[in-house]
Amino acid sequence: MTENDPSAADKPGASGTGSPEHGWPAQDAPNPWSAQGQAQPGYQYPDTQQPAQQSPQHGVHGPSYPTATYPMQGAQPMTADQQKRKGTAKLVAGVAVLALLVGGGAGAVGGYLAGDSGSDGGSVNALSEPPPSQQTSNAAPGTVESASQKLMPSVVQLQVEGQSGAGEGSGFIISDDGYILTNNHVVEGAADGGKVTVVFQNGERTEASIVGRDPTTDIAVVRADNASNLPVVDLGRSDDLKVGQQVVAIGSPFELAGTVTSGIVSSLHRPVSAGGSGDQTTVMDAIQTDAAINPGNSGGPLANMSGQVIGINSVIYSPQSASGGEGGNVGIGFAIPIDQARRTADDIIQNGHATQTYIGATVGDAPEGGAAIGEVMPGSPSEKAGLKAGDVVTKFDDRAVEDANALVAAVRTRAPGEQVTLTLKNNKTIEVTLGGQPVPGN
């Protein structure tokens, strides 16, 4: 596979890790991180709609206990008069027990009545009581409420129309003059003469144009027409996130705009490959979260408890039914780290296209773990650093490299021109200065 332009995740049985022309050729093995709508468990883009299914209701039935009668031992036959007197005794005894039970109940009720008789005689009714005072205090800092209040005005719904049909997703405002950050797969359907409509939090709508897209990182920037004084998000940082840290996701799942969910950072540095349209894929160094992410959340923000955006919700894992219908949240979602997204968005806005980081060598999964170097491109960063075909990379700086996708994801977290240390299987280290190449625009 190539490390900068994976291309086959949307094909059954392909790894989805790239095309040789960019230095990461496609692998032959199936990729378990593929985000395709196959009729089996897989990773999906959460940007389409699926009706919810109803669950059957179940009744609860308690056990039934039979009664039993026991004959008296040694009993003598009774005369008719004795039987009459005994029947009367049973009746009297039964009445006595009933009176005792009713009396106990009556006594309890009488106690409530007696206790109430000392009041003014009026009944108590919750509907007659005045409602409590309206909540006026601000949300406590560091809560889901405060983070949501801060972020909500800057989150938008994106409605897309194109030759392939209509869809919708989410995005968030990064400049007061209308720049909006979202996923490439949310807006790619409108790339060839389609239409993008922005729906703001207050319900206002306007059309938008695509500024640029990067299918390899699943990042896109659109700009709302005739926009000014828009509420802008605060961008946080993703390089210091901790597993277990609380997060908030906001978006438009199933067209329910402004939906807030919360959870934690479940894991970091997940190398997730998610297929887009055509022959390009995304390999991201993803943030995993259990905050509920569903179709329509794509492109929306994942934020820390200070209301700062630390990721872009992009992919969900959702076991699918045999019919192949798209599933929903099962507590496993993935977001693009904001550090990577910020760099890509800045490239798009400043230059009209993204710049992709690469090392210029084909790689595949090594049989015993690691990323095996295949062809080394002439004049590439890999050739200049001394990498050779057959080398197996096991570490990228201090990060372990389990397979080829892990190396691809690690490379894409860095900017062109950065120097990194690759550790080979023989413990030899090589210093590589990462290269950069433009990605086709919109």
Protein backbone atom coordinates (compact mmCIF):
# COMPACT_ATOMS: atom_id res chain seq x y z
CA MET A 1 0.00 0.00 0.00
CA THR A 2 1.07 3.61 -0.29
CA GLU A 3 1.26 5.87 2.67
CA ASN A 4 -0.37 8.91 1.17
CA ASP A 5 -3.21 7.85 -1.07
CA PRO A 6 -4.98 4.66 0.04
CA SER A 7 -7.43 3.61 -2.60
CA ALA A 8 -9.13 0.31 -2.20
CA ALA A 9 -11.20 0.18 1.01
CA ASP A 10 -14.39 0.49 -0.94
CA LYS A 11 -13.69 -2.77 -2.81
CA PRO A 12 -14.51 -6.08 -1.20
CA GLY A 13 -11.39 -7.90 -0.13
CA ALA A 14 -9.09 -4.87 -0.52
CA SER A 15 -7.12 -3.26 2.21
CA GLY A 16 -7.94 0.31 1.33
CA THR A 17 -4.50 1.67 2.01
CA GLY A 18 -3.48 3.43 -1.15
CA SER A 19 -2.26 3.68 -4.71
CA PRO A 20 1.34 3.15 -5.78
CA GLU A 21 1.56 6.54 -7.47
CA HIS A 22 1.51 8.21 -4.09
CA GLY A 23 3.72 5.74 -2.30
CA TRP A 24 1.28 3.44 -0.46
CA PRO A 25 0.08 0.59 -2.71
CA ALA A 26 -3.12 -1.32 -2.06
CA GLN A 27 -2.82 -4.49 0.02
CA ASP A 28 -4.38 -7.80 -0.83
CA ALA A 29 -5.72 -8.60 2.63
CA PRO A 30 -9.18 -7.38 3.67
CA ASN A 31 -9.12 -4.33 5.89
CA PRO A 32 -11.13 -4.75 9.12
CA TRP A 33 -11.36 -0.96 9.44
CA SER A 34 -13.22 -0.43 6.17
CA ALA A 35 -16.17 1.94 6.37
CA GLN A 36 -18.26 0.43 3.65
CA GLY A 37 -21.94 -0.45 3.64
CA GLN A 38 -21.36 -4.20 3.38
CA ALA A 39 -23.85 -6.70 4.72
CA GLN A 40 -21.64 -7.61 7.64
CA PRO A 41 -20.11 -5.80 10.62
CA GLY A 42 -17.90 -2.92 9.51
CA TYR A 43 -17.00 0.73 9.86
CA GLN A 44 -19.34 3.24 8.35
CA TYR A 45 -19.59 6.92 7.70
CA PRO A 46 -22.38 8.22 9.99
CA ASP A 47 -23.98 10.45 7.38
CA THR A 48 -27.10 8.70 6.05
CA GLN A 49 -30.51 8.01 7.50
CA GLN A 50 -32.09 4.77 8.68
CA PRO A 51 -35.49 4.42 10.43
CA ALA A 52 -35.34 3.22 13.99
CA GLN A 53 -36.66 -0.26 14.78
CA GLN A 54 -39.31 -0.93 17.39
CA SER A 55 -38.60 -3.32 20.23
CA PRO A 56 -41.37 -5.68 21.40
CA GLN A 57 -42.82 -5.20 24.83
CA HIS A 58 -42.77 -8.07 27.29
CA GLY A 59 -45.17 -8.76 30.13
CA VAL A 60 -44.07 -10.08 33.49
CA HIS A 61 -46.09 -12.82 35.11
CA GLY A 62 -45.75 -13.89 38.73
CA PRO A 63 -46.01 -17.50 39.95
CA SER A 64 -49.36 -19.01 41.01
CA TYR A 65 -49.48 -20.90 44.31
CA PRO A 66 -52.18 -23.68 44.78
CA THR A 67 -54.00 -24.09 48.09
CA ALA A 68 -54.28 -27.41 49.95
CA THR A 69 -56.64 -28.83 52.59
CA TYR A 70 -55.49 -31.25 55.29
CA PRO A 71 -57.99 -33.70 56.97
CA MET A 72 -58.08 -33.83 60.79
CA GLN A 73 -56.73 -37.06 62.26
CA GLY A 74 -59.06 -39.09 64.52
CA ALA A 75 -62.11 -36.96 63.89
CA GLN A 76 -65.55 -38.41 64.79
CA PRO A 77 -68.71 -37.98 62.72
CA MET A 78 -70.77 -34.98 63.81
CA THR A 79 -74.46 -34.68 64.19
CA ALA A 80 -76.45 -32.24 62.07
CA ASP A 81 -76.71 -29.83 65.05
CA GLN A 82 -72.95 -29.96 65.64
CA GLN A 83 -72.28 -29.29 61.97
CA LYS A 84 -74.58 -26.26 62.09
CA ARG A 85 -72.84 -24.85 65.17
CA LYS A 86 -69.40 -25.46 63.60
CA GLY A 87 -70.42 -23.66 60.40
CA THR A 88 -71.51 -20.71 62.49
CA ALA A 89 -68.22 -20.76 64.35
CA LYS A 90 -66.27 -20.74 61.07
CA LEU A 91 -68.31 -17.82 59.86
CA VAL A 92 -67.81 -15.91 63.10
CA ALA A 93 -64.09 -16.69 63.08
CA GLY A 94 -63.82 -15.55 59.48
CA VAL A 95 -65.67 -12.35 60.27
CA ALA A 96 -63.40 -11.78 63.26
CA VAL A 97 -60.27 -12.14 61.13
CA LEU A 98 -61.75 -9.90 58.47
CA ALA A 99 -62.68 -7.34 61.11
CA LEU A 100 -59.14 -7.50 62.48
CA LEU A 101 -57.68 -6.92 59.04
CA VAL A 102 -60.11 -4.18 58.16
CA GLY A 103 -59.69 -2.68 61.58
CA GLY A 104 -55.92 -2.56 61.12
CA GLY A 105 -56.34 -0.93 57.76
CA ALA A 106 -58.97 1.41 59.07
CA GLY A 107 -56.69 2.32 61.94
CA ALA A 108 -53.91 3.21 59.50
CA VAL A 109 -56.24 5.25 57.35
CA GLY A 110 -57.65 6.84 60.44
CA GLY A 111 -54.13 7.82 61.41
CA TYR A 112 -53.67 9.66 58.12
CA LEU A 113 -57.03 11.29 58.53
CA ALA A 114 -56.31 12.27 62.10
CA GLY A 115 -52.98 13.69 61.14
CA ASP A 116 -54.59 15.78 58.44
CA SER A 117 -57.44 16.97 60.68
CA GLY A 118 -55.10 19.37 62.44
CA SER A 119 -54.64 21.44 59.25
CA ASP A 120 -57.00 24.01 57.79
CA GLY A 121 -59.11 21.20 56.35
CA GLY A 122 -58.07 21.74 52.73
CA SER A 123 -56.69 18.92 50.53
CA VAL A 124 -53.13 18.87 49.21
CA ASN A 125 -52.78 18.73 45.41
CA ALA A 126 -49.47 19.06 43.54
CA LEU A 127 -51.29 20.66 40.62
CA SER A 128 -52.38 23.48 42.92
CA GLU A 129 -48.84 24.29 44.00
CA PRO A 130 -46.96 27.09 42.19
CA PRO A 131 -44.06 25.98 39.94
CA PRO A 132 -40.53 26.46 41.30
CA SER A 133 -38.52 29.52 40.41
CA GLN A 134 -37.08 29.54 36.90
CA GLN A 135 -33.45 28.40 36.66
CA THR A 136 -31.33 31.48 36.09
CA SER A 137 -27.85 30.38 37.18
CA ASN A 138 -25.21 29.65 34.55
CA ALA A 139 -24.07 26.08 33.97
CA ALA A 140 -21.14 25.03 36.12
CA PRO A 141 -17.81 25.10 34.23
CA GLY A 142 -16.58 21.72 33.08
CA THR A 143 -20.03 20.18 32.68
CA VAL A 144 -21.76 18.78 29.61
CA GLU A 145 -24.25 21.63 29.90
CA SER A 146 -21.63 24.37 29.84
CA ALA A 147 -19.65 22.77 27.01
CA SER A 148 -22.84 22.38 24.97
CA GLN A 149 -23.98 25.95 25.58
CA LYS A 150 -20.64 27.26 24.42
CA LEU A 151 -20.39 25.11 21.31
CA MET A 152 -23.97 24.80 20.10
CA PRO A 153 -24.30 28.16 18.25
CA SER A 154 -21.28 27.30 16.07
CA VAL A 155 -22.49 23.86 14.90
CA VAL A 156 -24.37 23.66 11.59
CA GLN A 157 -26.27 21.12 9.55
CA LEU A 158 -25.12 20.58 5.96
CA GLN A 159 -27.65 19.44 3.36
CA VAL A 160 -26.07 18.14 0.16
CA GLU A 161 -27.58 17.53 -3.27
CA GLY A 162 -25.65 16.00 -6.16
CA GLN A 163 -25.75 13.58 -9.04
CA SER A 164 -25.62 10.66 -6.63
CA GLY A 165 -28.61 11.93 -4.65
CA ALA A 166 -29.12 13.89 -1.44
CA GLY A 167 -27.61 13.52 2.00
CA GLU A 168 -26.81 15.45 5.10
CA GLY A 169 -24.19 15.82 7.77
CA SER A 170 -22.74 18.32 10.18
CA GLY A 171 -19.99 20.91 10.40
CA PHE A 172 -18.75 23.74 12.59
CA ILE A 173 -17.86 27.38 11.97
CA ILE A 174 -14.15 28.21 12.05
CA SER A 175 -14.30 31.85 10.87
CA ASP A 176 -16.87 34.60 11.33
CA ASP A 177 -16.97 35.19 7.57
CA GLY A 178 -18.33 31.75 6.80
CA TYR A 179 -15.62 29.07 6.65
CA ILE A 180 -16.97 25.74 7.93
CA LEU A 181 -14.97 22.59 8.66
CA THR A 182 -16.53 19.20 7.92
CA ASN A 183 -15.78 15.75 6.46
CA ASN A 184 -14.95 15.23 2.82
CA HIS A 185 -17.46 12.39 2.59
CA VAL A 186 -20.25 14.72 3.73
CA VAL A 187 -19.86 17.13 0.79
CA GLU A 188 -18.14 15.09 -1.93
CA GLY A 189 -21.50 14.35 -3.54
CA ALA A 190 -21.78 18.04 -4.43
CA ALA A 191 -18.24 18.34 -5.79
CA ASP A 192 -19.31 18.20 -9.45
CA GLY A 193 -21.92 20.90 -9.76
CA GLY A 194 -24.00 19.90 -6.75
CA LYS A 195 -25.48 22.07 -4.02
CA VAL A 196 -24.56 22.52 -0.36
CA THR A 197 -26.99 24.25 2.01
CA VAL A 198 -25.98 25.41 5.48
CA VAL A 199 -28.62 25.38 8.21
CA PHE A 200 -27.54 27.44 11.21
CA GLN A 201 -28.48 26.78 14.80
CA ASN A 202 -31.13 29.54 14.72
CA GLY A 203 -32.79 27.96 11.68
CA GLU A 204 -31.48 30.38 9.06
CA ARG A 205 -30.29 28.86 5.80
CA THR A 206 -27.83 29.82 3.07
CA GLU A 207 -26.01 28.12 0.24
CA ALA A 208 -22.31 27.30 0.47
CA SER A 209 -19.45 26.57 -1.91
CA ILE A 210 -16.76 23.93 -1.50
CA VAL A 211 -13.41 25.58 -0.88
CA GLY A 212 -11.39 22.38 -0.97
CA ARG A 213 -11.40 18.69 -0.07
CA ASP A 214 -8.85 16.10 1.00
CA PRO A 215 -10.20 12.55 0.54
CA THR A 216 -7.04 11.06 2.08
CA THR A 217 -7.72 12.67 5.45
CA ASP A 218 -11.53 13.01 5.05
CA ILE A 219 -11.35 16.78 5.60
CA ALA A 220 -13.25 19.44 3.67
CA VAL A 221 -13.85 23.17 4.01
CA VAL A 222 -16.97 24.91 2.71
CA ARG A 223 -17.86 28.59 2.87
CA ALA A 224 -21.33 29.95 3.55
CA ASP A 225 -22.47 32.63 1.12
CA ASN A 226 -22.97 36.22 2.32
CA ALA A 227 -21.98 35.36 5.89
CA SER A 228 -20.61 37.71 8.53
CA ASN A 229 -20.33 37.92 12.32
CA LEU A 230 -20.86 34.19 12.73
CA PRO A 231 -20.12 32.51 16.10
CA VAL A 232 -16.76 30.74 15.87
CA VAL A 233 -15.68 27.61 17.76
CA ASP A 234 -12.61 27.42 19.98
CA LEU A 235 -10.14 24.86 18.66
CA GLY A 236 -8.39 22.79 21.31
CA ARG A 237 -5.52 20.36 20.85
CA SER A 238 -5.52 16.61 20.45
CA ASP A 239 -1.89 15.72 21.13
CA ASP A 240 -2.39 15.71 24.89
CA LEU A 241 -5.72 13.87 25.14
CA LYS A 242 -6.04 11.16 27.79
CA VAL A 243 -8.01 7.92 27.70
CA GLY A 244 -11.01 8.33 30.00
CA GLN A 245 -11.26 12.07 29.43
CA GLN A 246 -14.85 13.29 29.11
CA VAL A 247 -16.02 14.58 25.73
CA VAL A 248 -19.16 15.97 24.09
CA ALA A 249 -20.35 15.36 20.52
CA ILE A 250 -22.76 17.69 18.73
CA GLY A 251 -24.36 17.15 15.33
CA SER A 252 -27.46 16.26 13.36
CA PRO A 253 -28.04 12.50 13.69
CA PHE A 254 -31.00 11.34 11.61
CA GLU A 255 -31.63 15.04 10.77
CA LEU A 256 -32.15 15.90 14.45
CA ALA A 257 -30.13 19.11 14.38
CA GLY A 258 -28.39 20.27 17.53
CA THR A 259 -28.26 16.87 19.21
CA VAL A 260 -25.80 16.62 22.13
CA THR A 261 -24.30 13.36 23.37
CA SER A 262 -21.51 12.76 25.85
CA GLY A 263 -18.98 10.09 26.70
CA ILE A 264 -15.27 9.60 27.12
CA VAL A 265 -12.15 9.12 25.05
CA SER A 266 -12.13 5.33 24.75
CA SER A 267 -8.77 4.99 23.02
CA LEU A 268 -6.19 6.97 21.06
CA HIS A 269 -4.16 6.41 17.90
CA ARG A 270 -6.55 3.97 16.29
CA PRO A 271 -5.43 3.48 12.65
CA VAL A 272 -8.83 3.49 10.98
CA SER A 273 -9.27 3.05 7.24
CA ALA A 274 -12.61 4.27 5.96
CA GLY A 275 -13.53 4.08 2.28
CA GLY A 276 -14.92 7.05 0.41
CA SER A 277 -16.24 7.13 -3.14
CA GLY A 278 -14.18 6.08 -6.13
CA ASP A 279 -10.80 4.57 -5.42
CA GLN A 280 -9.67 6.80 -2.54
CA THR A 281 -9.79 6.01 1.13
CA THR A 282 -9.08 7.62 4.43
CA VAL A 283 -6.50 6.35 6.85
CA MET A 284 -6.66 8.39 10.02
CA ASP A 285 -4.97 8.31 13.39
CA ALA A 286 -8.33 8.31 15.09
CA ILE A 287 -9.71 9.21 18.50
CA GLN A 288 -12.11 6.47 19.65
CA THR A 289 -15.09 7.54 21.75
CA ASP A 290 -18.24 6.03 23.23
CA ALA A 291 -20.21 9.29 22.87
CA ALA A 292 -23.22 8.35 20.73
CA ILE A 293 -22.45 9.06 17.06
CA ASN A 294 -25.04 8.17 14.44
CA PRO A 295 -25.74 8.82 10.75
CA GLY A 296 -25.77 12.61 10.34
CA ASN A 297 -23.10 13.28 13.01
CA SER A 298 -20.33 13.19 10.39
CA GLY A 299 -18.38 16.44 10.28
CA GLY A 300 -19.62 17.62 13.66
CA PRO A 301 -17.32 18.48 16.55
CA LEU A 302 -16.04 16.30 19.36
CA ALA A 303 -15.18 18.67 22.19
CA ASN A 304 -13.60 18.62 25.63
CA MET A 305 -15.42 19.82 28.72
CA SER A 306 -14.17 23.36 28.15
CA GLY A 307 -16.13 23.44 24.89
CA GLN A 308 -12.97 23.31 22.73
CA VAL A 309 -13.08 21.17 19.60
CA ILE A 310 -10.58 18.32 19.81
CA GLY A 311 -11.81 16.16 16.92
CA ILE A 312 -14.17 15.81 13.95
CA ASN A 313 -16.65 12.93 14.16
CA SER A 314 -16.15 10.84 11.06
CA VAL A 315 -16.65 7.07 11.33
CA ILE A 316 -18.73 4.66 13.38
CA TYR A 317 -18.51 0.94 13.88
CA SER A 318 -21.95 -0.55 13.43
CA PRO A 319 -22.82 -4.25 13.03
CA GLN A 320 -25.20 -4.52 10.10
CA SER A 321 -28.18 -6.69 9.48
CA ALA A 322 -28.22 -9.36 6.80
CA SER A 323 -30.25 -6.99 4.63
CA GLY A 324 -27.27 -4.64 4.48
CA GLY A 325 -29.13 -1.70 6.02
CA GLU A 326 -27.07 0.93 7.76
CA GLY A 327 -26.83 0.59 11.52
CA GLY A 328 -26.51 3.08 14.33
CA ASN A 329 -24.48 3.74 17.42
CA VAL A 330 -23.06 0.85 19.41
CA GLY A 331 -20.66 2.94 21.47
CA ILE A 332 -17.70 2.79 19.08
CA GLY A 333 -17.10 5.98 17.10
CA PHE A 334 -14.01 7.61 15.65
CA ALA A 335 -12.97 11.23 15.23
CA ILE A 336 -10.18 12.88 13.26
CA PRO A 337 -7.77 14.60 15.70
CA ILE A 338 -8.12 18.37 15.48
CA ASP A 339 -4.35 18.91 15.20
CA GLN A 340 -4.36 17.08 11.86
CA ALA A 341 -7.65 18.61 10.71
CA ARG A 342 -6.49 22.12 11.59
CA ARG A 343 -3.33 21.81 9.49
CA THR A 344 -5.27 20.42 6.52
CA ALA A 345 -7.99 23.09 6.74
CA ASP A 346 -5.38 25.85 6.88
CA ASP A 347 -3.73 24.45 3.73
CA ILE A 348 -7.05 24.35 1.94
CA ILE A 349 -7.98 27.92 2.86
CA GLN A 350 -4.53 29.40 2.19
CA ASN A 351 -3.58 27.41 -0.91
CA GLY A 352 -6.83 26.06 -2.31
CA HIS A 353 -5.72 22.47 -1.73
CA ALA A 354 -4.43 20.23 1.02
CA THR A 355 -0.83 19.06 1.27
CA GLN A 356 -0.34 15.39 1.97
CA THR A 357 2.55 14.10 4.06
CA TYR A 358 4.40 11.10 2.61
CA ILE A 359 7.65 9.13 2.77
CA GLY A 360 7.64 7.82 -0.81
CA ALA A 361 7.75 4.07 -0.33
CA THR A 362 5.27 1.28 -0.75
CA VAL A 363 4.52 -0.68 2.42
CA GLY A 364 2.67 -3.81 3.43
CA ASP A 365 2.03 -5.85 6.56
CA ALA A 366 5.08 -7.78 7.71
CA PRO A 367 4.30 -11.44 8.58
CA GLU A 368 5.64 -11.08 12.13
CA GLY A 369 4.36 -7.56 12.74
CA GLY A 370 5.44 -4.15 11.56
CA ALA A 371 5.32 -2.38 8.19
CA ALA A 372 7.41 -3.95 5.44
CA ILE A 373 9.01 -1.53 2.97
CA GLY A 374 8.41 -2.45 -0.67
CA GLU A 375 9.39 -0.23 -3.57
CA VAL A 376 11.31 2.94 -2.67
CA MET A 377 10.57 5.83 -5.04
CA PRO A 378 13.59 7.54 -6.64
CA GLY A 379 14.35 10.89 -5.03
CA SER A 380 11.80 10.29 -2.26
CA PRO A 381 12.32 11.02 1.45
CA SER A 382 12.71 7.26 2.01
CA GLU A 383 15.50 6.94 -0.54
CA LYS A 384 17.29 9.99 0.82
CA ALA A 385 17.08 8.54 4.35
CA GLY A 386 18.48 5.15 3.28
CA LEU A 387 15.38 2.97 3.54
CA LYS A 388 15.55 -0.14 1.39
CA ALA A 389 13.10 -2.70 0.12
CA GLY A 390 12.66 -5.44 2.71
CA ASP A 391 13.21 -3.20 5.73
CA VAL A 392 10.56 -3.67 8.42
CA VAL A 393 9.55 -0.58 10.42
CA THR A 394 8.54 -1.37 14.01
CA LYS A 395 8.49 2.13 15.54
CA PHE A 396 7.69 5.65 14.39
CA ASP A 397 9.48 7.90 16.89
CA ASP A 398 8.24 6.45 20.21
CA ARG A 399 5.11 4.91 18.74
CA ALA A 400 4.91 1.18 18.03
CA VAL A 401 4.05 0.22 14.44
CA GLU A 402 2.03 -3.01 14.38
CA ASP A 403 1.19 -3.01 10.67
CA ALA A 404 1.20 -0.94 7.49
CA ASN A 405 -1.92 1.08 8.38
CA ALA A 406 -0.34 2.11 11.67
CA LEU A 407 2.63 3.56 9.77
CA VAL A 408 0.33 5.33 7.29
CA ALA A 409 -1.68 6.88 10.12
CA ALA A 410 1.43 7.94 12.01
CA VAL A 411 2.92 9.64 8.96
CA ARG A 412 -0.28 11.59 8.37
CA THR A 413 -0.25 13.03 11.87
CA ARG A 414 2.89 14.99 10.96
CA ALA A 415 3.51 17.95 8.70
CA PRO A 416 5.76 17.97 5.65
CA GLY A 417 9.30 18.93 6.57
CA GLU A 418 9.23 17.32 10.01
CA GLN A 419 11.99 14.88 10.85
CA VAL A 420 11.04 11.54 12.38
CA THR A 421 12.93 8.49 13.57
CA LEU A 422 12.02 5.09 12.14
CA THR A 423 13.17 2.03 14.07
CA LEU A 424 13.69 -1.11 12.01
CA LYS A 425 13.26 -4.71 13.08
CA ASN A 426 17.03 -5.11 13.50
CA ASN A 427 16.94 -2.13 15.92
CA LYS A 428 18.61 0.10 13.38
CA THR A 429 17.24 3.66 13.37
CA ILE A 430 16.83 5.92 10.34
CA GLU A 431 16.07 9.65 10.34
CA VAL A 432 13.51 10.61 7.68
CA THR A 433 12.51 14.14 6.70
CA LEU A 434 8.88 13.85 5.64
CA GLY A 435 7.84 15.10 2.25
CA GLY A 436 4.66 16.81 1.08
CA GLN A 437 2.64 16.84 -2.12
CA PRO A 438 -0.56 18.65 -3.09
CA VAL A 439 -3.88 16.81 -3.04
CA PRO A 440 -6.32 17.61 -5.89
CA GLY A 441 -8.82 20.25 -4.79
CA ASN A 442 -12.60 20.37 -5.14
